[in-house]
Amino acid sequence: MTDTHKPTPGIYPTLLYRDAKAAIKQLTKAFGFTRAALYESEDGTVLHAELAYGSGRVMIGSKGRVGVFAEAMKESGPVGVYVVVEDTDAHFRRAEKAGVEILMPPTDQEYGSRDYMARDVEGNVWCFGTYVPAG
């Protein structure tokens, strides 16, 4: 019997956006994330969302809320997030077709990876490529 269980990720990047709904829309449409969870307040503010890609997830929320985390993050950004993809060029074409700002087209790196870089609707830098850190 083969163990097909994937380990649960232990690190979850958390990004806060002025317009979290627009960010979720872009990240799902352009980058292929799937919405795993969405919790909103009565007025529609995104309190917490989780977007999945492969075995990884990022957590998304709205800026301007109250609380210790919101206060600590109020001036955050931009941040950079690296996501492992199987086909860098196909992923790039999807993002480009969706109108994402491309910072670097697919490029072969000297360490063996093929990566591209894009900027989301609020300035965060997303790198997609084939590099998988040793684990």
N, C-alpha and C. Protein backbone atom coordinates (compact mmCIF):
# COMPACT_ATOMS: atom_id res chain seq x y z
N MET A 1 0.84 -1.17 0.00
CA MET A 1 0.00 0.00 0.00
C MET A 1 0.89 1.24 0.00
N THR A 2 0.55 2.20 -0.84
CA THR A 2 1.32 3.43 -0.96
C THR A 2 0.65 4.54 -0.17
N ASP A 3 1.46 5.28 0.58
CA ASP A 3 0.93 6.42 1.34
C ASP A 3 0.81 7.61 0.40
N THR A 4 -0.42 8.01 0.10
CA THR A 4 -0.65 9.14 -0.81
C THR A 4 -0.98 10.41 -0.04
N HIS A 5 -0.86 10.37 1.28
CA HIS A 5 -1.17 11.53 2.11
C HIS A 5 -0.13 12.62 1.89
N LYS A 6 -0.61 13.81 1.55
CA LYS A 6 0.29 14.96 1.41
C LYS A 6 0.37 15.66 2.75
N PRO A 7 1.57 16.03 3.18
CA PRO A 7 1.68 16.72 4.47
C PRO A 7 0.97 18.07 4.43
N THR A 8 0.39 18.43 5.54
CA THR A 8 -0.26 19.73 5.66
C THR A 8 0.82 20.80 5.71
N PRO A 9 0.69 21.86 4.89
CA PRO A 9 1.69 22.93 4.93
C PRO A 9 1.77 23.52 6.33
N GLY A 10 2.95 23.95 6.72
CA GLY A 10 3.14 24.55 8.04
C GLY A 10 3.30 26.06 7.99
N ILE A 11 3.34 26.62 6.79
CA ILE A 11 3.49 28.07 6.65
C ILE A 11 2.38 28.56 5.74
N TYR A 12 1.68 29.60 6.18
CA TYR A 12 0.58 30.17 5.42
C TYR A 12 0.78 31.68 5.29
N PRO A 13 1.27 32.15 4.13
CA PRO A 13 1.38 33.59 3.96
C PRO A 13 0.01 34.24 4.16
N THR A 14 0.00 35.39 4.80
CA THR A 14 -1.23 36.12 5.06
C THR A 14 -1.10 37.52 4.50
N LEU A 15 -2.01 37.88 3.62
CA LEU A 15 -1.97 39.18 2.96
C LEU A 15 -3.26 39.92 3.23
N LEU A 16 -3.14 41.20 3.55
CA LEU A 16 -4.31 42.05 3.74
C LEU A 16 -4.39 43.02 2.57
N TYR A 17 -5.60 43.22 2.07
CA TYR A 17 -5.84 44.07 0.91
C TYR A 17 -6.87 45.15 1.24
N ARG A 18 -6.72 46.30 0.60
CA ARG A 18 -7.76 47.34 0.70
C ARG A 18 -9.05 46.83 0.06
N ASP A 19 -8.94 46.08 -1.04
CA ASP A 19 -10.10 45.49 -1.71
C ASP A 19 -9.84 43.99 -1.83
N ALA A 20 -10.13 43.28 -0.75
CA ALA A 20 -9.86 41.84 -0.71
C ALA A 20 -10.67 41.07 -1.75
N LYS A 21 -11.88 41.51 -2.03
CA LYS A 21 -12.70 40.82 -3.03
C LYS A 21 -12.07 40.90 -4.41
N ALA A 22 -11.53 42.07 -4.77
CA ALA A 22 -10.85 42.21 -6.07
C ALA A 22 -9.61 41.34 -6.11
N ALA A 23 -8.88 41.26 -5.00
CA ALA A 23 -7.68 40.41 -4.95
C ALA A 23 -8.04 38.94 -5.12
N ILE A 24 -9.08 38.50 -4.44
CA ILE A 24 -9.52 37.11 -4.55
C ILE A 24 -9.92 36.80 -5.98
N LYS A 25 -10.63 37.72 -6.61
CA LYS A 25 -11.06 37.52 -8.00
C LYS A 25 -9.84 37.38 -8.92
N GLN A 26 -8.84 38.27 -8.74
CA GLN A 26 -7.66 38.20 -9.59
C GLN A 26 -6.86 36.92 -9.33
N LEU A 27 -6.64 36.59 -8.07
CA LEU A 27 -5.82 35.42 -7.74
C LEU A 27 -6.45 34.13 -8.24
N THR A 28 -7.78 34.05 -8.25
CA THR A 28 -8.43 32.83 -8.74
C THR A 28 -8.46 32.81 -10.27
N LYS A 29 -8.81 33.93 -10.87
CA LYS A 29 -8.93 33.97 -12.34
C LYS A 29 -7.57 33.91 -13.03
N ALA A 30 -6.65 34.75 -12.61
CA ALA A 30 -5.37 34.88 -13.31
C ALA A 30 -4.34 33.85 -12.91
N PHE A 31 -4.33 33.46 -11.64
CA PHE A 31 -3.28 32.58 -11.15
C PHE A 31 -3.75 31.16 -10.83
N GLY A 32 -5.05 30.90 -10.93
CA GLY A 32 -5.54 29.54 -10.75
C GLY A 32 -5.73 29.07 -9.33
N PHE A 33 -5.73 29.98 -8.36
CA PHE A 33 -6.04 29.59 -6.99
C PHE A 33 -7.51 29.19 -6.92
N THR A 34 -7.86 28.35 -5.97
CA THR A 34 -9.26 28.03 -5.72
C THR A 34 -9.63 28.54 -4.34
N ARG A 35 -10.84 29.05 -4.23
CA ARG A 35 -11.30 29.57 -2.94
C ARG A 35 -11.68 28.40 -2.05
N ALA A 36 -10.97 28.27 -0.93
CA ALA A 36 -11.22 27.18 0.01
C ALA A 36 -12.11 27.64 1.17
N ALA A 37 -12.08 28.93 1.49
CA ALA A 37 -12.90 29.45 2.59
C ALA A 37 -13.10 30.94 2.38
N LEU A 38 -14.26 31.44 2.81
CA LEU A 38 -14.54 32.86 2.76
C LEU A 38 -15.49 33.22 3.89
N TYR A 39 -15.06 34.12 4.75
CA TYR A 39 -15.88 34.59 5.86
C TYR A 39 -15.97 36.11 5.74
N GLU A 40 -17.21 36.60 5.69
CA GLU A 40 -17.44 38.03 5.53
C GLU A 40 -18.26 38.57 6.69
N SER A 41 -18.09 39.85 6.97
CA SER A 41 -18.92 40.52 7.96
C SER A 41 -20.27 40.84 7.31
N GLU A 42 -21.18 41.34 8.09
CA GLU A 42 -22.50 41.68 7.55
C GLU A 42 -22.42 42.73 6.45
N ASP A 43 -21.42 43.61 6.51
CA ASP A 43 -21.30 44.65 5.48
C ASP A 43 -20.47 44.20 4.28
N GLY A 44 -20.08 42.92 4.23
CA GLY A 44 -19.35 42.38 3.09
C GLY A 44 -17.84 42.46 3.18
N THR A 45 -17.31 42.95 4.31
CA THR A 45 -15.86 43.00 4.49
C THR A 45 -15.33 41.57 4.60
N VAL A 46 -14.24 41.28 3.89
CA VAL A 46 -13.63 39.96 3.97
C VAL A 46 -12.87 39.87 5.29
N LEU A 47 -13.41 39.07 6.21
CA LEU A 47 -12.76 38.86 7.50
C LEU A 47 -11.60 37.88 7.37
N HIS A 48 -11.84 36.82 6.59
CA HIS A 48 -10.83 35.77 6.41
C HIS A 48 -11.20 34.97 5.17
N ALA A 49 -10.21 34.73 4.33
CA ALA A 49 -10.39 33.86 3.17
C ALA A 49 -9.16 33.00 3.05
N GLU A 50 -9.34 31.83 2.50
CA GLU A 50 -8.22 30.93 2.22
C GLU A 50 -8.29 30.55 0.75
N LEU A 51 -7.16 30.72 0.07
CA LEU A 51 -7.05 30.35 -1.33
C LEU A 51 -6.02 29.23 -1.43
N ALA A 52 -6.38 28.18 -2.16
CA ALA A 52 -5.51 27.01 -2.28
C ALA A 52 -4.89 26.93 -3.66
N TYR A 53 -3.66 26.43 -3.68
CA TYR A 53 -2.98 26.11 -4.93
C TYR A 53 -2.12 24.89 -4.64
N GLY A 54 -2.42 23.78 -5.28
CA GLY A 54 -1.72 22.54 -4.96
C GLY A 54 -1.92 22.21 -3.50
N SER A 55 -0.84 21.93 -2.79
CA SER A 55 -0.96 21.61 -1.36
C SER A 55 -0.76 22.85 -0.48
N GLY A 56 -0.61 24.01 -1.10
CA GLY A 56 -0.38 25.24 -0.33
C GLY A 56 -1.62 26.11 -0.24
N ARG A 57 -1.58 27.02 0.69
CA ARG A 57 -2.67 27.98 0.87
C ARG A 57 -2.12 29.33 1.28
N VAL A 58 -2.86 30.37 0.92
CA VAL A 58 -2.60 31.71 1.43
C VAL A 58 -3.88 32.18 2.11
N MET A 59 -3.71 33.01 3.11
CA MET A 59 -4.86 33.58 3.80
C MET A 59 -4.96 35.04 3.40
N ILE A 60 -6.19 35.49 3.16
CA ILE A 60 -6.47 36.83 2.67
C ILE A 60 -7.46 37.50 3.62
N GLY A 61 -7.29 38.79 3.84
CA GLY A 61 -8.25 39.55 4.64
C GLY A 61 -8.28 40.99 4.17
N SER A 62 -9.19 41.74 4.75
CA SER A 62 -9.35 43.16 4.40
C SER A 62 -8.54 44.03 5.34
N LYS A 63 -7.88 45.04 4.79
CA LYS A 63 -7.22 46.06 5.61
C LYS A 63 -8.29 46.94 6.24
N GLY A 64 -7.91 47.64 7.30
CA GLY A 64 -8.80 48.61 7.91
C GLY A 64 -9.66 48.06 9.03
N ARG A 65 -9.46 46.82 9.40
CA ARG A 65 -10.23 46.26 10.51
C ARG A 65 -9.53 46.57 11.82
N VAL A 66 -10.15 46.17 12.92
CA VAL A 66 -9.55 46.39 14.24
C VAL A 66 -9.00 45.08 14.78
N GLY A 67 -8.08 45.19 15.73
CA GLY A 67 -7.49 44.01 16.35
C GLY A 67 -5.98 44.09 16.28
N VAL A 68 -5.33 43.25 17.04
CA VAL A 68 -3.87 43.26 17.13
C VAL A 68 -3.23 42.98 15.77
N PHE A 69 -3.68 41.92 15.08
CA PHE A 69 -3.09 41.57 13.78
C PHE A 69 -3.34 42.67 12.77
N ALA A 70 -4.57 43.17 12.69
CA ALA A 70 -4.90 44.22 11.75
C ALA A 70 -4.06 45.47 12.00
N GLU A 71 -3.86 45.81 13.26
CA GLU A 71 -3.04 46.98 13.61
C GLU A 71 -1.58 46.76 13.20
N ALA A 72 -1.06 45.57 13.46
CA ALA A 72 0.33 45.28 13.11
C ALA A 72 0.54 45.29 11.59
N MET A 73 -0.49 44.93 10.83
CA MET A 73 -0.38 44.80 9.39
C MET A 73 -0.88 46.03 8.63
N LYS A 74 -1.32 47.07 9.31
CA LYS A 74 -2.00 48.17 8.61
C LYS A 74 -1.14 48.86 7.57
N GLU A 75 0.16 48.88 7.73
CA GLU A 75 1.04 49.50 6.74
C GLU A 75 1.82 48.45 5.94
N SER A 76 1.36 47.21 5.96
CA SER A 76 2.09 46.13 5.29
C SER A 76 2.01 46.22 3.78
N GLY A 77 2.92 45.53 3.15
CA GLY A 77 2.92 45.40 1.71
C GLY A 77 3.91 46.35 1.08
N PRO A 78 4.28 46.08 -0.12
CA PRO A 78 3.96 44.80 -0.74
C PRO A 78 4.82 43.67 -0.18
N VAL A 79 4.35 42.48 -0.41
CA VAL A 79 5.10 41.29 0.00
C VAL A 79 5.37 40.45 -1.25
N GLY A 80 6.22 39.47 -1.11
CA GLY A 80 6.49 38.54 -2.20
C GLY A 80 6.15 37.12 -1.77
N VAL A 81 5.52 36.38 -2.67
CA VAL A 81 5.15 35.00 -2.41
C VAL A 81 5.61 34.16 -3.59
N TYR A 82 6.23 33.00 -3.31
CA TYR A 82 6.66 32.08 -4.35
C TYR A 82 5.73 30.88 -4.36
N VAL A 83 5.26 30.50 -5.56
CA VAL A 83 4.35 29.37 -5.71
C VAL A 83 4.94 28.41 -6.72
N VAL A 84 5.02 27.13 -6.35
CA VAL A 84 5.53 26.10 -7.25
C VAL A 84 4.42 25.70 -8.22
N VAL A 85 4.75 25.72 -9.52
CA VAL A 85 3.81 25.30 -10.56
C VAL A 85 4.47 24.23 -11.43
N GLU A 86 3.65 23.41 -12.05
CA GLU A 86 4.19 22.35 -12.91
C GLU A 86 4.66 22.89 -14.25
N ASP A 87 3.91 23.82 -14.83
CA ASP A 87 4.22 24.33 -16.17
C ASP A 87 4.25 25.86 -16.10
N THR A 88 5.43 26.41 -15.95
CA THR A 88 5.60 27.85 -15.80
C THR A 88 5.03 28.62 -17.00
N ASP A 89 5.28 28.13 -18.19
CA ASP A 89 4.84 28.85 -19.38
C ASP A 89 3.32 28.87 -19.52
N ALA A 90 2.66 27.75 -19.24
CA ALA A 90 1.19 27.71 -19.30
C ALA A 90 0.60 28.62 -18.23
N HIS A 91 1.18 28.59 -17.04
CA HIS A 91 0.69 29.44 -15.95
C HIS A 91 0.86 30.92 -16.33
N PHE A 92 2.00 31.25 -16.90
CA PHE A 92 2.28 32.61 -17.36
C PHE A 92 1.25 33.06 -18.39
N ARG A 93 0.95 32.21 -19.37
CA ARG A 93 -0.01 32.58 -20.41
C ARG A 93 -1.38 32.87 -19.81
N ARG A 94 -1.79 32.11 -18.81
CA ARG A 94 -3.07 32.34 -18.14
C ARG A 94 -3.08 33.72 -17.48
N ALA A 95 -2.02 34.01 -16.74
CA ALA A 95 -1.93 35.30 -16.04
C ALA A 95 -1.88 36.46 -17.04
N GLU A 96 -1.09 36.30 -18.08
CA GLU A 96 -0.97 37.35 -19.09
C GLU A 96 -2.32 37.60 -19.77
N LYS A 97 -3.02 36.53 -20.10
CA LYS A 97 -4.34 36.64 -20.74
C LYS A 97 -5.32 37.38 -19.84
N ALA A 98 -5.18 37.22 -18.53
CA ALA A 98 -6.07 37.88 -17.57
C ALA A 98 -5.68 39.34 -17.33
N GLY A 99 -4.59 39.79 -17.95
CA GLY A 99 -4.20 41.19 -17.85
C GLY A 99 -3.35 41.54 -16.65
N VAL A 100 -2.74 40.55 -16.04
CA VAL A 100 -1.88 40.78 -14.87
C VAL A 100 -0.62 41.54 -15.30
N GLU A 101 -0.13 42.41 -14.44
CA GLU A 101 1.13 43.10 -14.71
C GLU A 101 2.28 42.10 -14.57
N ILE A 102 2.98 41.87 -15.64
CA ILE A 102 4.10 40.92 -15.65
C ILE A 102 5.38 41.70 -15.39
N LEU A 103 6.14 41.27 -14.40
CA LEU A 103 7.41 41.91 -14.06
C LEU A 103 8.59 41.22 -14.73
N MET A 104 8.46 39.90 -14.94
CA MET A 104 9.52 39.13 -15.61
C MET A 104 8.84 37.97 -16.32
N PRO A 105 9.06 37.81 -17.62
CA PRO A 105 8.48 36.67 -18.33
C PRO A 105 9.17 35.38 -17.90
N PRO A 106 8.66 34.22 -18.31
CA PRO A 106 9.32 32.97 -17.95
C PRO A 106 10.80 33.00 -18.33
N THR A 107 11.61 32.71 -17.33
CA THR A 107 13.07 32.81 -17.47
C THR A 107 13.72 31.61 -16.82
N ASP A 108 14.67 30.99 -17.53
CA ASP A 108 15.46 29.89 -16.94
C ASP A 108 16.48 30.49 -15.99
N GLN A 109 16.51 29.98 -14.76
CA GLN A 109 17.43 30.46 -13.74
C GLN A 109 18.67 29.56 -13.70
N GLU A 110 19.78 30.10 -13.25
CA GLU A 110 21.01 29.30 -13.21
C GLU A 110 20.95 28.16 -12.21
N TYR A 111 20.02 28.20 -11.26
CA TYR A 111 19.87 27.11 -10.29
C TYR A 111 18.88 26.05 -10.76
N GLY A 112 18.46 26.13 -12.05
CA GLY A 112 17.66 25.07 -12.63
C GLY A 112 16.16 25.31 -12.68
N SER A 113 15.68 26.38 -12.11
CA SER A 113 14.25 26.66 -12.11
C SER A 113 13.85 27.48 -13.33
N ARG A 114 12.60 27.43 -13.67
CA ARG A 114 12.01 28.32 -14.69
C ARG A 114 10.92 29.10 -13.98
N ASP A 115 11.08 30.42 -13.92
CA ASP A 115 10.20 31.27 -13.13
C ASP A 115 9.66 32.44 -13.95
N TYR A 116 8.54 33.00 -13.48
CA TYR A 116 8.11 34.31 -13.94
C TYR A 116 7.59 35.08 -12.74
N MET A 117 7.49 36.39 -12.89
CA MET A 117 7.08 37.26 -11.80
C MET A 117 5.94 38.17 -12.25
N ALA A 118 4.97 38.38 -11.35
CA ALA A 118 3.84 39.25 -11.65
C ALA A 118 3.48 40.06 -10.41
N ARG A 119 2.73 41.14 -10.65
CA ARG A 119 2.29 42.00 -9.55
C ARG A 119 0.76 41.93 -9.47
N ASP A 120 0.22 41.78 -8.26
CA ASP A 120 -1.23 41.72 -8.11
C ASP A 120 -1.84 43.12 -8.06
N VAL A 121 -3.16 43.17 -7.88
CA VAL A 121 -3.89 44.45 -7.95
C VAL A 121 -3.46 45.47 -6.91
N GLU A 122 -2.78 45.04 -5.84
CA GLU A 122 -2.35 45.98 -4.81
C GLU A 122 -0.85 46.01 -4.60
N GLY A 123 -0.09 45.52 -5.59
CA GLY A 123 1.35 45.69 -5.57
C GLY A 123 2.17 44.54 -5.02
N ASN A 124 1.54 43.47 -4.55
CA ASN A 124 2.30 42.33 -4.05
C ASN A 124 2.92 41.59 -5.23
N VAL A 125 4.10 41.05 -5.02
CA VAL A 125 4.83 40.35 -6.08
C VAL A 125 4.65 38.85 -5.90
N TRP A 126 4.18 38.21 -6.96
CA TRP A 126 3.97 36.77 -6.98
C TRP A 126 4.95 36.15 -7.97
N CYS A 127 5.75 35.19 -7.49
CA CYS A 127 6.68 34.47 -8.33
C CYS A 127 6.15 33.06 -8.50
N PHE A 128 6.13 32.58 -9.73
CA PHE A 128 5.65 31.23 -10.03
C PHE A 128 6.76 30.52 -10.78
N GLY A 129 7.06 29.28 -10.36
CA GLY A 129 8.11 28.57 -11.04
C GLY A 129 8.23 27.14 -10.59
N THR A 130 9.27 26.49 -11.10
CA THR A 130 9.44 25.06 -10.89
C THR A 130 10.40 24.72 -9.74
N TYR A 131 10.96 25.74 -9.10
CA TYR A 131 11.89 25.48 -7.99
C TYR A 131 11.12 24.94 -6.78
N VAL A 132 11.58 23.81 -6.26
CA VAL A 132 10.99 23.23 -5.05
C VAL A 132 12.10 23.15 -4.00
N PRO A 133 11.98 23.94 -2.94
CA PRO A 133 13.00 23.89 -1.88
C PRO A 133 13.16 22.47 -1.33
N ALA A 134 14.38 22.10 -1.01
CA ALA A 134 14.63 20.77 -0.44
C ALA A 134 13.91 20.65 0.89
N GLY A 135 13.30 19.53 1.13
CA GLY A 135 12.53 19.38 2.35
C GLY A 135 12.81 18.17 3.02
